[in-house]
Amino acid sequence: MDISPRRRRAITAALLLGTFLASLEVMVVTPAVPVVVSELGGAGLYPWVFTAYILAKVPLMPLYGRWSDRFGRRDTYLLGLTIFVLGSIACAVATSMEGLIAARAVQGMGGAALVILTMTIFGDLYPVAERTRMQGLFSLVWGVSSLLGPLVGGWLTEMWSWRSVFWINVVPGLGAAATIALLVPPKLGRREATAAMPEFMRLFKVPTQQAILGSGLFIGAALTGVIAYLPVQIQAVNHGSAIDAGIALIPLSIAWTITANVAGRVVEQVGFQNLARLGVITSTVGAVLATEWPGAQPGLILFGVGMGFTISIFNVACQECAPPTLRGTATSLAMVSRSIGAGVGMVIFGLLAGFEPGVADFSGIDDLAGSMSTIFTAITRCMALAAFIVVARLPRDGVDTIVQ
């Protein structure tokens, strides 16, 4: 489909704005949630503020990908963005922890579309060489929002209210929706329903996909565990502020941003397999250091370096393993695996920490410092399993098989 360069740039900007909102929402909430607990109570439900968002995304991610392959990218994206904005408003007006969790689930139902369809539409608009560079820009936006998120969340929470971290999504979300509605052709990505279930299932037989999906389960658990529980370590164990918790995540975000951009520039020379292996091994080393010294900079930096290499490369590689008729589906599967891992991991980590539903605040948890140490040990083991899968299963000679 012929789209002028100017129009393509405007579409790209709107998609990156949606990406910014989705990624900001992951990070901006983290320093706010301990304050939410102090106002609404329900410390035992703490993991579910994150888990509800993640688990609501999981069943819809492959559906959004599939719907976009069948009904077009524009309408599917607008559906997800609308739900995301409505969920943000519901979060901002929640009056109980249970209500906030329900609203976060609605927010997750919409957020499932934003990142998946951004990468999918990039696949429609750009050839693979340009798409790799766009992945670097995508990662830059994700990294900037990850960098700003903890600071913005901590500042808004302390200076105004934790509710403001949800209100900030509304106006930019509406602006992105208007741009997409006006500029994205309705038929972009729309194809006849030729991709039958047997063809869809063939994606699982591709070794590259197997490595991406298998390792993604443990990568998602480890990444979300660090983002969600480091603020608890900083605020509830080390007695820091919400801003302190936000600042602690900055090294991870900066490292992720830099290496994701480096990966986009050198992937053709180095090979995506080598970058992926380097990434998971580096993140594992970082997790080990973070377990020994929670909140210390070296471990978080190495963890972010590894994530920047691994996730940015996997986002492109999964699309190259699939034909255009399954591009949206393949993209969603890679993200579904990480989301499933994140959701299950949050529940398991919460049980390890003793976050039972009846606990009202963090002071009611016996030996919280020991619980945090247990969680970071579990995170390290998740990264080690991810590294094993990537090293053992990822083909050594490029994207191995294109589904025909």
Protein backbone atom coordinates (compact mmCIF):
# COMPACT_ATOMS: atom_id res chain seq x y z
CA MET A 1 0.00 0.00 0.00
CA ASP A 2 1.50 3.34 -1.14
CA ILE A 3 1.80 5.81 1.75
CA SER A 4 3.71 9.07 1.34
CA PRO A 5 6.82 9.59 3.49
CA ARG A 6 5.21 12.57 5.24
CA ARG A 7 2.11 10.60 6.12
CA ARG A 8 4.21 7.65 7.23
CA ARG A 9 6.20 9.89 9.58
CA ALA A 10 3.00 11.26 11.13
CA ILE A 11 1.65 7.73 11.64
CA THR A 12 4.95 6.68 13.19
CA ALA A 13 4.85 9.64 15.59
CA ALA A 14 1.32 8.75 16.72
CA LEU A 15 2.27 5.10 17.21
CA LEU A 16 5.30 6.08 19.24
CA LEU A 17 3.09 8.30 21.40
CA GLY A 18 0.88 5.28 22.10
CA THR A 19 3.99 3.26 22.89
CA PHE A 20 5.16 6.02 25.21
CA LEU A 21 1.88 5.87 27.14
CA ALA A 22 1.90 2.08 27.42
CA SER A 23 5.51 1.91 28.59
CA LEU A 24 5.17 4.95 30.85
CA GLU A 25 2.23 3.25 32.56
CA VAL A 26 4.43 0.30 33.52
CA MET A 27 7.07 2.47 35.18
CA VAL A 28 5.12 5.49 36.42
CA VAL A 29 2.93 3.33 38.67
CA THR A 30 5.76 1.58 40.51
CA PRO A 31 6.75 4.36 42.94
CA ALA A 32 3.09 5.25 43.47
CA VAL A 33 1.74 1.85 44.53
CA PRO A 34 3.29 1.79 48.03
CA VAL A 35 1.59 5.17 48.62
CA VAL A 36 -1.67 3.75 47.25
CA VAL A 37 -1.40 0.98 49.84
CA SER A 38 -1.02 3.55 52.62
CA GLU A 39 -4.19 5.35 51.44
CA LEU A 40 -6.44 2.51 50.30
CA GLY A 41 -5.00 -0.33 52.37
CA GLY A 42 -4.71 -3.86 51.03
CA ALA A 43 -0.96 -4.49 51.10
CA GLY A 44 -1.74 -8.17 50.63
CA LEU A 45 -3.22 -7.26 47.23
CA TYR A 46 -0.12 -5.31 46.17
CA PRO A 47 1.04 -7.82 43.49
CA TRP A 48 -2.38 -7.73 41.85
CA VAL A 49 -2.08 -4.06 40.92
CA PHE A 50 0.56 -5.25 38.45
CA THR A 51 -0.73 -8.76 37.84
CA ALA A 52 -4.27 -7.63 36.91
CA TYR A 53 -2.84 -5.37 34.21
CA ILE A 54 -0.62 -8.14 32.87
CA LEU A 55 -3.10 -11.00 33.02
CA ALA A 56 -5.79 -8.93 31.32
CA LYS A 57 -3.36 -8.36 28.45
CA VAL A 58 -2.48 -12.00 27.92
CA PRO A 59 -5.66 -13.40 26.33
CA LEU A 60 -6.17 -10.28 24.22
CA MET A 61 -2.67 -9.91 22.81
CA PRO A 62 -2.95 -12.76 20.28
CA LEU A 63 -6.54 -11.70 19.55
CA TYR A 64 -5.48 -8.15 18.71
CA GLY A 65 -2.78 -9.53 16.44
CA ARG A 66 -5.24 -11.88 14.80
CA TRP A 67 -7.95 -9.23 14.48
CA SER A 68 -5.49 -6.81 12.90
CA ASP A 69 -4.55 -9.46 10.33
CA ARG A 70 -8.23 -9.97 9.53
CA PHE A 71 -9.92 -6.56 9.99
CA GLY A 72 -7.05 -4.12 9.51
CA ARG A 73 -4.57 -2.39 11.79
CA ARG A 74 -6.36 0.96 12.20
CA ASP A 75 -9.68 -0.12 13.70
CA THR A 76 -8.04 -2.73 15.92
CA TYR A 77 -5.52 -0.21 17.25
CA LEU A 78 -8.24 2.38 17.94
CA LEU A 79 -10.27 -0.19 19.86
CA GLY A 80 -7.32 -0.97 22.13
CA LEU A 81 -6.39 2.69 22.66
CA THR A 82 -9.98 3.61 23.58
CA ILE A 83 -10.17 0.85 26.19
CA PHE A 84 -6.77 1.88 27.57
CA VAL A 85 -7.86 5.50 28.08
CA LEU A 86 -11.14 4.44 29.71
CA GLY A 87 -9.21 2.11 32.02
CA SER A 88 -6.86 4.95 32.98
CA ILE A 89 -9.80 7.13 33.97
CA ALA A 90 -11.26 4.28 36.04
CA CYS A 91 -7.90 3.85 37.83
CA ALA A 92 -7.75 7.57 38.61
CA VAL A 93 -11.15 7.57 40.34
CA ALA A 94 -10.81 4.23 42.18
CA THR A 95 -11.81 4.34 45.87
CA SER A 96 -10.57 0.92 46.98
CA MET A 97 -7.73 -1.44 46.23
CA GLU A 98 -10.19 -3.90 44.72
CA GLY A 99 -11.60 -1.16 42.47
CA LEU A 100 -8.12 -0.12 41.40
CA ILE A 101 -7.23 -3.70 40.52
CA ALA A 102 -10.39 -4.05 38.41
CA ALA A 103 -9.62 -0.79 36.62
CA ARG A 104 -6.04 -1.91 36.00
CA ALA A 105 -7.46 -5.01 34.32
CA VAL A 106 -9.49 -2.80 31.97
CA GLN A 107 -6.40 -0.72 31.30
CA GLY A 108 -4.45 -3.88 30.48
CA MET A 109 -7.17 -5.03 28.07
CA GLY A 110 -6.55 -1.90 26.03
CA GLY A 111 -2.79 -1.70 26.53
CA ALA A 112 -2.45 -5.15 24.96
CA ALA A 113 -3.03 -3.58 21.56
CA LEU A 114 -0.63 -0.64 21.73
CA VAL A 115 2.83 -2.18 21.66
CA ILE A 116 1.85 -5.21 19.60
CA LEU A 117 0.18 -3.24 16.84
CA THR A 118 2.87 -0.57 16.83
CA MET A 119 5.46 -3.20 15.95
CA THR A 120 3.07 -4.85 13.50
CA ILE A 121 2.28 -1.60 11.67
CA PHE A 122 6.00 -0.86 11.50
CA GLY A 123 6.27 -4.20 9.72
CA ASP A 124 3.66 -3.02 7.21
CA LEU A 125 5.17 0.43 6.65
CA TYR A 126 8.89 -0.33 6.55
CA PRO A 127 11.12 -2.94 4.87
CA VAL A 128 13.22 -5.08 7.18
CA ALA A 129 16.37 -2.91 6.99
CA GLU A 130 14.44 0.24 7.95
CA ARG A 131 12.37 -1.75 10.44
CA THR A 132 15.50 -2.60 12.39
CA ARG A 133 16.28 1.10 12.67
CA MET A 134 12.68 1.78 13.65
CA GLN A 135 13.08 -0.82 16.38
CA GLY A 136 15.91 1.34 17.71
CA LEU A 137 13.60 4.38 17.71
CA PHE A 138 10.85 2.31 19.33
CA SER A 139 13.30 1.21 22.01
CA LEU A 140 14.46 4.81 22.47
CA VAL A 141 10.88 5.93 23.14
CA TRP A 142 10.36 2.98 25.47
CA GLY A 143 13.61 3.79 27.23
CA VAL A 144 12.86 7.51 27.60
CA SER A 145 9.43 6.74 29.03
CA SER A 146 10.99 4.15 31.33
CA LEU A 147 13.51 6.77 32.41
CA LEU A 148 10.89 9.46 32.99
CA GLY A 149 8.26 7.11 34.42
CA PRO A 150 9.76 6.50 37.86
CA LEU A 151 10.70 10.16 38.27
CA VAL A 152 7.34 11.46 37.05
CA GLY A 153 5.46 8.89 39.11
CA GLY A 154 7.43 9.68 42.25
CA TRP A 155 7.14 13.44 41.76
CA LEU A 156 3.40 13.41 40.97
CA THR A 157 2.71 11.10 43.90
CA GLU A 158 4.55 13.27 46.40
CA MET A 159 3.58 16.69 45.02
CA TRP A 160 -0.02 16.03 44.02
CA SER A 161 -1.62 12.57 44.22
CA TRP A 162 -1.08 9.02 43.08
CA ARG A 163 -4.24 9.44 40.98
CA SER A 164 -2.40 11.84 38.70
CA VAL A 165 -0.22 9.02 37.34
CA PHE A 166 -3.35 7.72 35.59
CA TRP A 167 -4.88 11.05 34.53
CA ILE A 168 -1.79 11.90 32.46
CA ASN A 169 -2.75 9.25 29.88
CA VAL A 170 -6.02 10.83 28.80
CA VAL A 171 -5.16 13.84 26.62
CA PRO A 172 -2.15 12.27 24.81
CA GLY A 173 -4.19 9.12 24.24
CA LEU A 174 -6.97 11.06 22.57
CA GLY A 175 -4.43 12.89 20.39
CA ALA A 176 -2.84 9.65 19.24
CA ALA A 177 -6.28 8.18 18.49
CA ALA A 178 -7.23 11.16 16.32
CA THR A 179 -4.02 10.92 14.30
CA ILE A 180 -4.35 7.18 13.71
CA ALA A 181 -8.03 7.54 12.74
CA LEU A 182 -7.24 10.21 10.16
CA LEU A 183 -4.01 8.92 8.62
CA VAL A 184 -3.88 5.11 8.77
CA PRO A 185 -5.68 3.55 5.77
CA PRO A 186 -8.59 1.36 6.92
CA LYS A 187 -7.36 -1.55 4.79
CA LEU A 188 -3.76 -1.51 6.04
CA GLY A 189 -2.91 -5.06 7.09
CA ARG A 190 -6.39 -6.36 6.21
CA ARG A 191 -6.20 -9.72 4.47
CA GLU A 192 -8.54 -12.47 3.49
CA ALA A 193 -8.97 -15.18 6.12
CA THR A 194 -6.48 -17.56 4.52
CA ALA A 195 -4.35 -18.23 7.58
CA ALA A 196 -6.04 -21.34 8.93
CA MET A 197 -5.33 -22.72 12.36
CA PRO A 198 -2.90 -25.38 11.06
CA GLU A 199 -0.81 -22.61 9.47
CA PHE A 200 -0.97 -20.62 12.69
CA MET A 201 0.24 -23.65 14.65
CA ARG A 202 3.25 -23.96 12.36
CA LEU A 203 4.71 -20.90 14.06
CA PHE A 204 5.35 -23.07 17.13
CA LYS A 205 7.46 -25.46 15.06
CA VAL A 206 10.02 -22.81 14.10
CA PRO A 207 13.10 -23.13 16.38
CA THR A 208 13.63 -19.37 16.55
CA GLN A 209 10.04 -18.91 17.69
CA GLN A 210 10.46 -21.69 20.22
CA ALA A 211 13.51 -19.97 21.72
CA ILE A 212 11.75 -16.59 21.79
CA LEU A 213 8.55 -17.93 23.34
CA GLY A 214 10.23 -20.26 25.85
CA SER A 215 12.75 -17.74 27.14
CA GLY A 216 10.11 -15.00 27.09
CA LEU A 217 8.24 -16.68 29.95
CA PHE A 218 11.22 -16.30 32.28
CA ILE A 219 12.37 -12.93 30.92
CA GLY A 220 8.90 -11.50 31.58
CA ALA A 221 8.90 -12.80 35.15
CA ALA A 222 12.37 -11.44 35.88
CA LEU A 223 11.82 -8.02 34.32
CA THR A 224 8.47 -7.40 35.99
CA GLY A 225 9.82 -8.69 39.28
CA VAL A 226 12.61 -6.12 39.30
CA ILE A 227 10.33 -3.24 38.28
CA ALA A 228 7.60 -4.12 40.80
CA TYR A 229 9.60 -5.16 43.85
CA LEU A 230 12.59 -2.84 43.78
CA PRO A 231 10.35 0.07 44.94
CA VAL A 232 9.19 -2.07 47.87
CA GLN A 233 12.83 -2.72 48.76
CA ILE A 234 13.67 0.99 48.54
CA GLN A 235 10.59 2.33 50.35
CA ALA A 236 9.47 -0.36 52.80
CA VAL A 237 12.84 -1.93 53.66
CA ASN A 238 15.33 0.90 53.12
CA HIS A 239 12.80 3.60 54.22
CA GLY A 240 13.30 5.74 51.12
CA SER A 241 10.74 7.95 49.39
CA ALA A 242 8.73 7.44 46.21
CA ILE A 243 11.24 9.64 44.37
CA ASP A 244 14.11 7.51 45.71
CA ALA A 245 12.38 4.43 44.31
CA GLY A 246 12.00 6.12 40.95
CA ILE A 247 15.63 7.19 40.86
CA ALA A 248 16.78 3.63 41.64
CA LEU A 249 15.25 2.42 38.36
CA ILE A 250 16.95 5.07 36.21
CA PRO A 251 20.21 3.12 35.56
CA LEU A 252 18.21 0.17 34.24
CA SER A 253 16.23 2.43 31.90
CA ILE A 254 19.27 4.28 30.57
CA ALA A 255 21.19 1.06 29.96
CA TRP A 256 18.19 -0.48 28.18
CA THR A 257 17.77 2.57 25.94
CA ILE A 258 21.41 2.73 24.90
CA THR A 259 21.86 -0.94 24.14
CA ALA A 260 18.54 -1.23 22.28
CA ASN A 261 19.71 1.50 19.93
CA VAL A 262 23.11 -0.13 19.57
CA ALA A 263 21.41 -3.45 18.78
CA GLY A 264 19.36 -1.86 16.01
CA ARG A 265 22.51 -0.49 14.38
CA VAL A 266 24.76 -3.54 14.59
CA VAL A 267 22.33 -6.46 14.23
CA GLU A 268 23.09 -6.95 10.53
CA GLN A 269 26.83 -7.13 11.20
CA VAL A 270 26.82 -9.10 14.46
CA GLY A 271 23.77 -11.32 13.97
CA PHE A 272 20.63 -11.39 16.08
CA GLN A 273 21.57 -14.75 17.63
CA ASN A 274 24.83 -13.39 19.07
CA LEU A 275 23.13 -10.28 20.43
CA ALA A 276 20.34 -12.33 22.00
CA ARG A 277 22.81 -14.67 23.71
CA LEU A 278 24.88 -11.75 24.93
CA GLY A 279 21.73 -10.11 26.24
CA VAL A 280 20.37 -12.96 28.35
CA ILE A 281 23.79 -13.78 29.81
CA THR A 282 24.41 -10.13 30.72
CA SER A 283 20.99 -9.80 32.36
CA THR A 284 21.64 -12.96 34.37
CA VAL A 285 24.91 -11.55 35.70
CA GLY A 286 23.09 -8.31 36.53
CA ALA A 287 20.39 -10.23 38.38
CA VAL A 288 23.02 -12.01 40.45
CA LEU A 289 24.56 -8.69 41.48
CA ALA A 290 21.12 -7.19 42.20
CA THR A 291 20.35 -10.13 44.48
CA GLU A 292 23.54 -9.63 46.46
CA TRP A 293 23.17 -5.83 46.64
CA PRO A 294 19.49 -4.81 46.08
CA GLY A 295 19.23 -1.36 44.54
CA ALA A 296 22.97 -1.14 43.75
CA GLN A 297 23.78 0.42 40.39
CA PRO A 298 26.07 -2.20 38.74
CA GLY A 299 23.53 -4.99 38.87
CA LEU A 300 20.67 -2.85 37.56
CA ILE A 301 22.85 -1.45 34.76
CA LEU A 302 23.90 -4.90 33.56
CA PHE A 303 20.32 -6.13 33.83
CA GLY A 304 19.16 -3.24 31.64
CA VAL A 305 21.98 -3.77 29.13
CA GLY A 306 20.93 -7.36 28.63
CA MET A 307 17.24 -6.51 28.28
CA GLY A 308 18.04 -3.85 25.69
CA PHE A 309 19.84 -6.37 23.50
CA THR A 310 17.44 -9.27 23.94
CA ILE A 311 13.95 -7.82 23.71
CA SER A 312 14.67 -5.39 20.88
CA ILE A 313 16.17 -8.16 18.75
CA PHE A 314 13.40 -10.64 19.51
CA ASN A 315 10.73 -8.14 18.41
CA VAL A 316 12.17 -8.11 14.86
CA ALA A 317 13.22 -11.76 14.67
CA CYS A 318 9.74 -13.10 15.47
CA GLN A 319 8.29 -11.20 12.49
CA GLU A 320 10.94 -12.54 10.13
CA CYS A 321 9.89 -16.08 11.04
CA ALA A 322 6.35 -15.50 9.75
CA PRO A 323 4.68 -14.61 6.45
CA PRO A 324 2.83 -11.25 6.15
CA THR A 325 -0.51 -12.98 6.80
CA LEU A 326 0.70 -13.97 10.27
CA ARG A 327 2.87 -10.96 11.11
CA GLY A 328 0.46 -9.61 13.71
CA THR A 329 -0.02 -13.04 15.23
CA ALA A 330 3.72 -13.72 15.45
CA THR A 331 4.38 -10.34 17.07
CA SER A 332 1.65 -10.90 19.63
CA LEU A 333 2.86 -14.39 20.53
CA ALA A 334 6.30 -13.11 21.50
CA MET A 335 4.76 -10.51 23.79
CA VAL A 336 2.18 -12.94 25.15
CA SER A 337 4.94 -15.24 26.38
CA ARG A 338 6.60 -12.41 28.29
CA SER A 339 3.25 -11.28 29.70
CA ILE A 340 2.33 -14.77 30.87
CA GLY A 341 5.69 -15.06 32.56
CA ALA A 342 5.25 -11.64 34.15
CA GLY A 343 1.76 -12.42 35.46
CA VAL A 344 2.61 -15.83 36.85
CA GLY A 345 5.90 -14.55 38.21
CA MET A 346 4.24 -11.70 40.09
CA VAL A 347 1.87 -14.11 41.81
CA ILE A 348 4.67 -16.50 42.75
CA PHE A 349 6.92 -13.68 43.94
CA GLY A 350 4.05 -12.30 46.03
CA LEU A 351 3.55 -15.67 47.70
CA LEU A 352 7.28 -15.91 48.40
CA ALA A 353 7.17 -12.45 49.99
CA GLY A 354 4.17 -13.32 52.17
CA PHE A 355 1.81 -10.85 50.49
CA GLU A 356 -1.36 -12.60 51.59
CA PRO A 357 -4.77 -10.95 50.97
CA GLY A 358 -5.37 -10.29 54.66
CA VAL A 359 -2.20 -8.21 55.15
CA ALA A 360 -3.13 -4.51 55.41
CA ASP A 361 0.31 -2.92 55.08
CA PHE A 362 3.96 -3.89 54.66
CA SER A 363 4.65 -3.70 58.40
CA GLY A 364 2.41 -6.76 58.79
CA ILE A 365 4.84 -8.95 56.84
CA ASP A 366 7.36 -10.77 59.00
CA ASP A 367 10.97 -10.30 57.86
CA LEU A 368 10.18 -8.22 54.76
CA ALA A 369 13.91 -7.80 54.06
CA GLY A 370 14.31 -11.58 53.95
CA SER A 371 11.28 -11.87 51.67
CA MET A 372 12.78 -9.35 49.25
CA SER A 373 16.04 -11.33 49.20
CA THR A 374 14.06 -14.47 48.35
CA ILE A 375 12.31 -12.67 45.49
CA PHE A 376 15.53 -11.40 43.94
CA THR A 377 17.00 -14.89 44.17
CA ALA A 378 13.97 -16.20 42.27
CA ILE A 379 14.46 -13.46 39.66
CA THR A 380 18.05 -14.60 39.14
CA ARG A 381 16.92 -18.18 38.60
CA CYS A 382 14.36 -17.03 36.04
CA MET A 383 17.06 -15.22 34.07
CA ALA A 384 19.35 -18.24 34.24
CA LEU A 385 16.60 -20.43 32.76
CA ALA A 386 15.98 -17.87 30.00
CA ALA A 387 19.69 -17.84 29.18
CA PHE A 388 19.78 -21.63 29.03
CA ILE A 389 16.86 -21.76 26.59
CA VAL A 390 18.32 -19.10 24.29
CA VAL A 391 21.81 -20.62 24.25
CA ALA A 392 20.52 -24.17 23.76
CA ARG A 393 17.65 -23.59 21.34
CA LEU A 394 18.29 -20.44 19.30
CA PRO A 395 19.69 -21.38 15.84
CA ARG A 396 23.24 -20.26 15.16
CA ASP A 397 22.78 -19.30 11.50
CA GLY A 398 20.22 -16.50 11.45
CA VAL A 399 16.44 -16.64 11.28
CA ASP A 400 16.15 -20.32 10.59
CA THR A 401 12.79 -20.94 8.96
CA ILE A 402 10.24 -18.69 7.31
CA VAL A 403 6.72 -20.12 7.52
CA GLN A 404 5.33 -20.50 4.02
